Amino acid sequence: MKTPRIAEGTLEPEQLAMVKYAQVITVYISLFPAEAASLSSPSQAVWSRNHHVFDSYGRGGFILADLPRLAKRVEELIGPGNHNLIEQFAEGELSDTLLEEGLMAIAWGVTPWCYSLYSAPDEQSAGILAVDKLGDEPERQGIYRIDPSIQQLSIVPANELAYWPACVQNDWPVIDVAGEGETLHMNLYTQICESVNGLHENPLPSFVLTRSQGKPEAIIPLIDVVIVDEA
């Protein structure tokens, strides 16, 4: 069962009810031929909570960043002190620089919802993610530059960037991004799951992170990601 990580903290009764509604149960059914026992063993890579994050984020979306490096570069670019990075990013120059230098990736303007972020521990594990649409084209594709030495990124809700640099001190979830490639892909897949009462269906979005060799020819951030039509 997947439970949003917000449930790890103290919740008000109405928040607890929303968390219970957002929980997801996934049933796996594996079929093997009779000689399956003779097949080579599957990937021995170990999945941890740093390879899958399931949580709820507001309308702003989120950023992925190595926060110490990002904080240092932001101070170099706009000076020390308190800043509202949401306003700074809206002007374009600062966010463009940080994206071009491989210091962050963004999913900006996302429908408020619960969704997963996956980053498999190795290439073989990536082929068996619990996302039944991996054989399909993703609904949205983001392409970013990432510094080759970065192996882990913090996931920061976009609305928290209004309180920079205080938000850097918070204990945000992290996700591992194994590999050495300078291109980070963030692809969005959306499954459909049945509600607990069986009366309607809900989308179950997943952002899948992978790395590849070489620098990206172009940086294509995910902006205005519509998971549910709110009209």
Protein backbone atom coordinates (compact mmCIF):
# COMPACT_ATOMS: atom_id res chain seq x y z
CA MET A 1 0.00 0.00 0.00
CA LYS A 2 1.26 3.47 -0.90
CA THR A 3 0.58 6.21 1.63
CA PRO A 4 1.51 9.88 1.05
CA ARG A 5 4.55 10.81 3.10
CA ILE A 6 2.72 13.73 4.61
CA ALA A 7 1.14 11.07 6.85
CA GLU A 8 4.48 10.62 8.60
CA GLY A 9 3.83 13.88 10.47
CA THR A 10 1.04 15.06 12.72
CA LEU A 11 -2.27 15.44 10.89
CA GLU A 12 -5.56 17.14 11.59
CA PRO A 13 -8.65 14.87 11.38
CA GLU A 14 -9.66 16.27 7.98
CA GLN A 15 -6.10 15.73 6.70
CA LEU A 16 -6.14 12.15 7.96
CA ALA A 17 -9.34 11.49 6.03
CA MET A 18 -7.73 12.85 2.85
CA VAL A 19 -4.66 10.67 3.39
CA LYS A 20 -6.79 7.55 3.75
CA TYR A 21 -8.61 8.44 0.53
CA ALA A 22 -5.28 8.91 -1.26
CA GLN A 23 -3.82 5.54 -0.25
CA VAL A 24 -3.19 3.20 -3.19
CA ILE A 25 -3.18 -0.60 -3.19
CA THR A 26 -1.37 -2.29 -6.06
CA VAL A 27 -1.82 -6.01 -6.77
CA TYR A 28 0.97 -7.78 -8.67
CA ILE A 29 0.29 -10.95 -10.65
CA SER A 30 3.33 -12.73 -12.10
CA LEU A 31 3.05 -15.57 -14.60
CA PHE A 32 6.05 -17.81 -15.35
CA PRO A 33 6.60 -20.83 -17.61
CA ALA A 34 7.32 -24.19 -15.97
CA GLU A 35 11.05 -23.78 -16.52
CA ALA A 36 11.13 -20.38 -14.82
CA ALA A 37 13.33 -21.75 -12.03
CA SER A 38 16.17 -22.14 -14.51
CA LEU A 39 16.06 -18.52 -15.58
CA SER A 40 18.80 -16.15 -14.49
CA SER A 41 18.12 -14.36 -11.26
CA PRO A 42 16.51 -10.91 -11.45
CA SER A 43 18.24 -7.69 -10.57
CA GLN A 44 19.82 -7.80 -7.13
CA ALA A 45 19.59 -4.04 -6.74
CA VAL A 46 17.96 -2.99 -3.51
CA TRP A 47 14.99 -0.64 -3.64
CA SER A 48 14.77 1.84 -0.80
CA ARG A 49 12.52 4.77 0.14
CA ASN A 50 15.04 6.93 -1.73
CA HIS A 51 14.00 5.33 -5.02
CA HIS A 52 10.28 5.98 -4.71
CA VAL A 53 8.51 8.96 -3.17
CA PHE A 54 4.71 9.10 -3.00
CA ASP A 55 3.32 12.37 -1.73
CA SER A 56 0.98 15.26 -2.39
CA TYR A 57 2.11 18.62 -3.68
CA GLY A 58 0.26 21.86 -4.27
CA ARG A 59 -0.51 23.71 -7.45
CA GLY A 60 3.01 25.05 -7.82
CA GLY A 61 4.52 21.61 -8.36
CA PHE A 62 8.03 20.85 -7.15
CA ILE A 63 11.73 21.20 -7.84
CA LEU A 64 14.48 18.59 -7.65
CA ALA A 65 17.81 19.95 -6.50
CA ASP A 66 21.06 19.38 -4.67
CA LEU A 67 20.11 22.02 -2.09
CA PRO A 68 23.58 22.97 -0.75
CA ARG A 69 24.85 23.59 -4.29
CA LEU A 70 21.67 25.37 -5.29
CA ALA A 71 21.75 27.63 -2.22
CA LYS A 72 25.37 28.58 -2.85
CA ARG A 73 24.72 29.45 -6.49
CA VAL A 74 21.55 31.42 -5.74
CA GLU A 75 23.49 33.53 -3.23
CA GLU A 76 26.18 34.17 -5.84
CA LEU A 77 23.59 35.26 -8.38
CA ILE A 78 21.18 37.38 -6.33
CA GLY A 79 23.00 37.93 -3.06
CA PRO A 80 22.45 36.81 0.53
CA GLY A 81 19.28 37.41 2.53
CA ASN A 82 15.67 36.38 2.22
CA HIS A 83 14.20 35.99 -1.25
CA ASN A 84 10.95 34.87 -2.85
CA LEU A 85 12.25 32.53 -5.53
CA ILE A 86 8.76 32.06 -6.97
CA GLU A 87 8.81 35.72 -7.98
CA GLN A 88 12.45 35.47 -9.07
CA PHE A 89 11.74 32.43 -11.24
CA ALA A 90 8.76 34.19 -12.84
CA GLU A 91 11.17 36.76 -14.26
CA GLY A 92 12.97 33.94 -16.06
CA GLU A 93 16.66 34.80 -15.86
CA LEU A 94 17.46 33.09 -12.55
CA SER A 95 15.57 29.89 -13.30
CA ASP A 96 17.07 29.70 -16.80
CA THR A 97 20.58 29.98 -15.37
CA LEU A 98 20.01 27.31 -12.72
CA LEU A 99 18.49 24.94 -15.28
CA GLU A 100 21.31 25.50 -17.77
CA GLU A 101 23.93 24.85 -15.08
CA GLY A 102 22.31 21.56 -14.11
CA LEU A 103 21.50 22.60 -10.55
CA MET A 104 17.79 21.80 -10.56
CA ALA A 105 14.90 20.22 -12.42
CA ILE A 106 11.35 21.52 -12.15
CA ALA A 107 7.77 20.39 -12.60
CA TRP A 108 6.07 23.77 -12.49
CA GLY A 109 2.35 24.37 -12.35
CA VAL A 110 1.05 20.87 -11.59
CA THR A 111 -2.54 19.98 -10.76
CA PRO A 112 -2.71 19.48 -6.96
CA TRP A 113 -2.73 15.70 -6.56
CA CYS A 114 -0.94 12.71 -5.05
CA TYR A 115 1.73 11.28 -7.31
CA SER A 116 4.81 9.09 -7.30
CA LEU A 117 8.37 9.90 -8.23
CA TYR A 118 10.40 6.84 -9.25
CA SER A 119 14.13 6.51 -9.87
CA ALA A 120 15.19 2.88 -10.22
CA PRO A 121 18.44 1.73 -8.56
CA ASP A 122 19.69 0.27 -11.85
CA GLU A 123 18.72 -0.15 -15.50
CA GLN A 124 17.26 -3.64 -15.06
CA SER A 125 15.07 -2.50 -12.19
CA ALA A 126 13.75 0.35 -14.31
CA GLY A 127 12.02 -2.16 -16.57
CA ILE A 128 9.86 -3.57 -13.78
CA LEU A 129 8.47 -0.43 -12.22
CA ALA A 130 4.90 -0.59 -10.96
CA VAL A 131 3.75 1.59 -13.84
CA ASP A 132 1.74 -0.30 -16.42
CA LYS A 133 2.29 2.27 -19.16
CA LEU A 134 6.07 2.09 -19.44
CA GLY A 135 5.67 0.56 -22.90
CA ASP A 136 3.68 3.57 -24.02
CA GLU A 137 4.85 7.04 -24.87
CA PRO A 138 4.79 9.24 -21.75
CA GLU A 139 2.13 11.91 -21.55
CA ARG A 140 4.78 14.55 -20.89
CA GLN A 141 8.55 14.47 -21.19
CA GLY A 142 10.93 16.72 -19.32
CA ILE A 143 14.64 16.93 -20.18
CA TYR A 144 17.19 18.56 -17.88
CA ARG A 145 20.90 18.89 -17.40
CA ILE A 146 22.34 17.37 -14.22
CA ASP A 147 25.86 17.66 -12.86
CA PRO A 148 27.60 14.26 -13.30
CA SER A 149 28.64 14.17 -9.63
CA ILE A 150 25.09 14.59 -8.27
CA GLN A 151 23.66 11.29 -7.01
CA GLN A 152 20.75 12.48 -4.90
CA LEU A 153 18.17 15.24 -5.21
CA SER A 154 15.86 16.81 -2.65
CA ILE A 155 12.18 17.19 -3.57
CA VAL A 156 10.95 20.64 -2.55
CA PRO A 157 7.36 21.84 -3.01
CA ALA A 158 7.39 24.90 -5.25
CA ASN A 159 5.36 27.01 -2.81
CA GLU A 160 8.14 26.68 -0.24
CA LEU A 161 10.50 28.61 -2.50
CA ALA A 162 8.78 31.80 -1.35
CA TYR A 163 10.74 31.38 1.89
CA TRP A 164 14.28 31.17 0.58
CA PRO A 165 16.76 30.31 2.04
CA ALA A 166 14.90 29.21 5.20
CA CYS A 167 13.23 26.36 3.29
CA VAL A 168 16.64 24.81 2.59
CA GLN A 169 16.90 23.83 6.26
CA ASN A 170 13.77 21.65 6.17
CA ASP A 171 14.00 17.87 6.03
CA TRP A 172 12.70 17.24 2.53
CA PRO A 173 12.32 13.80 0.92
CA VAL A 174 15.24 12.82 -1.29
CA ILE A 175 15.43 10.61 -4.35
CA ASP A 176 18.54 8.86 -5.63
CA VAL A 177 19.56 9.40 -9.26
CA ALA A 178 22.23 6.80 -9.85
CA GLY A 179 24.57 7.09 -12.80
CA GLU A 180 27.01 9.53 -14.34
CA GLY A 181 25.12 10.92 -17.31
CA GLU A 182 24.55 14.65 -17.66
CA THR A 183 20.99 14.30 -18.99
CA LEU A 184 18.09 13.76 -16.62
CA HIS A 185 14.75 12.63 -18.04
CA MET A 186 11.53 13.12 -16.09
CA ASN A 187 8.64 11.40 -17.86
CA LEU A 188 5.03 11.50 -16.72
CA TYR A 189 2.81 8.43 -16.97
CA THR A 190 -0.78 8.31 -15.73
CA GLN A 191 -2.56 5.11 -14.76
CA ILE A 192 -6.24 4.88 -13.89
CA CYS A 193 -7.23 3.27 -10.61
CA GLU A 194 -10.63 2.41 -9.19
CA SER A 195 -11.87 4.22 -6.09
CA VAL A 196 -12.45 2.26 -2.90
CA ASN A 197 -16.21 2.42 -3.34
CA GLY A 198 -15.99 1.46 -7.00
CA LEU A 199 -18.10 4.43 -8.07
CA HIS A 200 -15.50 6.27 -10.09
CA GLU A 201 -11.92 6.17 -11.34
CA ASN A 202 -8.99 8.32 -10.32
CA PRO A 203 -5.78 9.12 -12.17
CA LEU A 204 -2.56 7.84 -10.60
CA PRO A 205 0.34 9.90 -12.01
CA SER A 206 3.97 8.80 -11.84
CA PHE A 207 7.05 10.85 -12.69
CA VAL A 208 9.83 8.46 -13.75
CA LEU A 209 13.43 9.70 -13.55
CA THR A 210 16.26 8.26 -15.66
CA ARG A 211 19.74 9.45 -16.65
CA SER A 212 21.54 9.18 -19.96
CA GLN A 213 25.01 10.00 -21.21
CA GLY A 214 25.96 13.31 -22.77
CA LYS A 215 24.59 16.80 -22.31
CA PRO A 216 21.04 17.48 -23.46
CA GLU A 217 20.69 19.29 -26.76
CA ALA A 218 17.88 21.33 -25.23
CA ILE A 219 16.42 21.72 -21.75
CA ILE A 220 12.68 21.08 -21.74
CA PRO A 221 11.14 21.64 -18.30
CA LEU A 222 7.72 20.31 -17.36
CA ILE A 223 5.43 23.34 -17.11
CA ASP A 224 1.63 23.49 -16.69
CA VAL A 225 1.15 19.78 -16.06
CA VAL A 226 -2.56 18.96 -16.10
CA ILE A 227 -3.33 15.73 -14.26
CA VAL A 228 -7.03 16.43 -13.76
CA ASP A 229 -9.08 18.93 -15.75
CA GLU A 230 -10.35 21.31 -13.09
CA ALA A 231 -12.65 23.24 -15.41
